[in-house]
Amino acid sequence: MNIEVMRTFYIINHCRDEPLPGWRHSLHAEFLRRNPTFNISEQNIVDRKNVIVRKRYLTDLQLQEVKREAGQILYQQEEFQNLPEVRAEEEIQPQQRRISRTPSSSRSEGRISDVHLPRSQHEERRERFLQLVTHYEFMNPLNRPRIPKLRNVNKARDIISSANSILQQYLNGTNDLQKAHLGVYCASALILELNGQQVYTPNPNRKNKDSDTPMWKKRLEKNIDEYRADADVLSEFLAGNNSRRVMAKTQAIARKAQIDLNNADHRQQLLNLKDLLRQKAKAKGARLRRYNKLTKRKQQNAAFENNQKQFLTSLEKQGEEQPAEIDPVRFTTYWNSIWNGRINHTQLKKEFQEKYKSRVTKLLNTLLSGGNLIKAINSWAVPVLTYSFGIVKWSVTDLDELDRLTRRLLTKFRHLHTNSSVIRLYLPRRRGGRGLLNIKNQCLNQEASLRRKLLTNRDPLITTVAREDAGYTPLSLGCELIPVDVEDVKSKLLGLQWNQKLVIHGLMGYGKSCLINEVLNDITVRKYFDNNIFWINLGKHHSDESVFETLWRLYLTASSIIQNKTTPCPDDVNKVKDLLINLFLQPRLENALIILDDACSNKVLMHFDIKCKTVITTQNRKILCQEEGIFVEVKTGFARRESLELFRKSLDLNPESKLPAIAEEIHRICKGHPMLISHIGSFLKDNAKDARNKNDIWEYMKLGEFTWAGRAP
């Protein structure tokens, strides 16, 4: 049965694997003609053929053998159809058949036959050939229509001979391969046209076979429509509508359900049948909705992965009116109002927030997968805000509110559980997170990058503008030193692995400990370390006794957290260190953090290496010797505005009071060093009267502090 089905398929498709248009009906008709004993429907034979190919019921060798048999059958049919004509030729030209056929004579037959054509007919064919050349000359060969197989070759011999002579005249003396290809193609098209055939041009309106609606879906939709229609008819009948149309349909439904309308309880039976039909329609409709949703999800993810720009552009145009033509006058007025007026930061922030919320909502209404959704938010929604970073004044509160807005929307559309980890949401995917960009981190990092780039620029104009920027822009370029990004330190702290060290180094008085305090003020950071954070000041440890005492106190504190029984106090520092290493391997303390503040000796630091996450603040960058670690340099000093404000407070002046110009030079010479600026403030406070009335003391400080700053490490 399977072999016969495939043999019939190859016969109607001329031994091709791809089915020709109208193959379903041809397959059914040819199969019944060859096998009249079978009573099989068209859908059954088509499904059987598809299953044979898809599940490979026949091997490749069997298919090749079946295809060979089909080719022999087609050849015999063609010879049988052409047999009467051959006999007619033998009767008309008996003498020509006796001529010995040599290769040269057989080749010359085609060229001689065209001599007997009328001249007018030959010119018409030549004119048609030139029209085809003009039509296909500038068309890409890959886009030209496909040339089908020639039918009735014996009848078309004179056509082929005539086309050969026309082609020979067209290609006479040419060496151009493209012209030769074009001539052969047009000659083939001419032969097909004269033979009553035409080149195969696919219909652009016809859908692809793979995108057609599956038959089971059509049957399901048909069943749902029938169930709903029958339920509506029964509802009309039970409501008292006894019209002829309703009665006829009700009787048909009752007959199908084997319900006798003459029974006393037929109304109850019809009511139960109506409920059953509603339930069936609902169940099948749920299956149909699941399939449609799954199909839509696959299509949207495939479209996003193939062309993100096209997908996001189509998403942006949904529900939006097409922009009108730009009026040059309004365009000029709009931009003049922006550049000539002051920036309304409040209004701009509101517009940016609404646009960001709109884009995130559009993405959440799609059926993109989790990874594609986060990628789309990062690449399409977040850039709405990043364009404003460094221009619009976003406060930390505003940025936190935007992050909370994102999480609320994700929770609303069931993409984020209310109890999910916030830290994991922003961690990169390669580290087990979801990879969402943190808006607050993006803003602070971009502002720090812009500030660093502008402050390191030596252009006189940019330097002058930066010096006068006293809080006019979010970058605050009045500070000549590049601040440490708190969010960068936080991200590095949260990224610490087991037994990894974060070293924060810088000159004394630059606020290394304050920086760690500021990072730890974030409750999410403390929760990340399970609130097990131990702060140890190493600046006062200069002997083994002090180290031993601190280590033993740390052991007692950590033991109380996990309610572990303490061992007797050992008599060696190394033994205490071993106890701490084993203790911090416990599940309750494996995520703990130890902060070693003001480390100045590598020997002391080695005693506190207890194989856990560690933060070290020091003035010596090489304190780890050959060990690897993450290093952060603190260079932050006072801004010009902050230094001048401290000088005014020391002199007991109003904030609007003007200081001598030499005060700014002192700030520049000291480079905003907090310790030097504080020392100068104390000196001014002791000599406030002279400093307010005379400039000599300022000159003295300038010379003295310049010498000190030059010797500063």
Foldseek 3Di string as FASTA:
>chain_A
DLLLLLLLLCLVQVLDPDHDPPSLVSSVVSSCVVPVVDDDDSVVSVVSNVCCVVVVPDPPVSSVVSSVVSNVVNVVVQCVVCVVVVVVVCVVCVPVVVDDDDPVNVVCVLQVLLVPDDPVVLVVLLVQLVVQCVVCVPPDPVPDFAQDDDPPVVVLSNLLSSLVVSLCVQCPPDDDPSSNVSSVVSSSQSSQVVSVHHGDDDDPPDDDPVPDDDPVLVVLVVLLVVLVVLLVLLVCVLVPDPDPVSVVSVVVVCVVVVQDPPDPCSNVVSVVSSVVSVVSSVVSVVVVVVVVQVVQQVVLQVVCVVDVVVSLVVLVPPPDDDDDDDDVVVVVVVVCCVVVDDDPLVVVLVVLLVQLLVSLLSLLPGNYDLLSSLVCSQVPRLVSVLVCQFARADDLVNLVVSVVSSVVSCVVSVNDDPPDQPVLQCDCVVVPRSNHHRSSVSSLVVLLVVLVVLLPDPDPVSVVVLCPQCPSINNNSLQNDRADRLVVVLVVLLPDDWLAEEEEAEDPQLCPVVSVVVSVVDVSSCVSLVVQEAEAECPPDDDPVVLLVVLVVVLVVLCVVVVHDDDPRDDDLVVSLQSLLVSCVDPVNQSHEYEYEADDALVSVVSVSSGGYYYYYYHDPCSPPPDDHHYHYGDDADGLLRLVVLLCVLLVHDSPDDADPLSSVQCVLLSRRNVLSVVVSVVCNVVNPCRVPHCPVSVVCSVVVNVVSVPDD
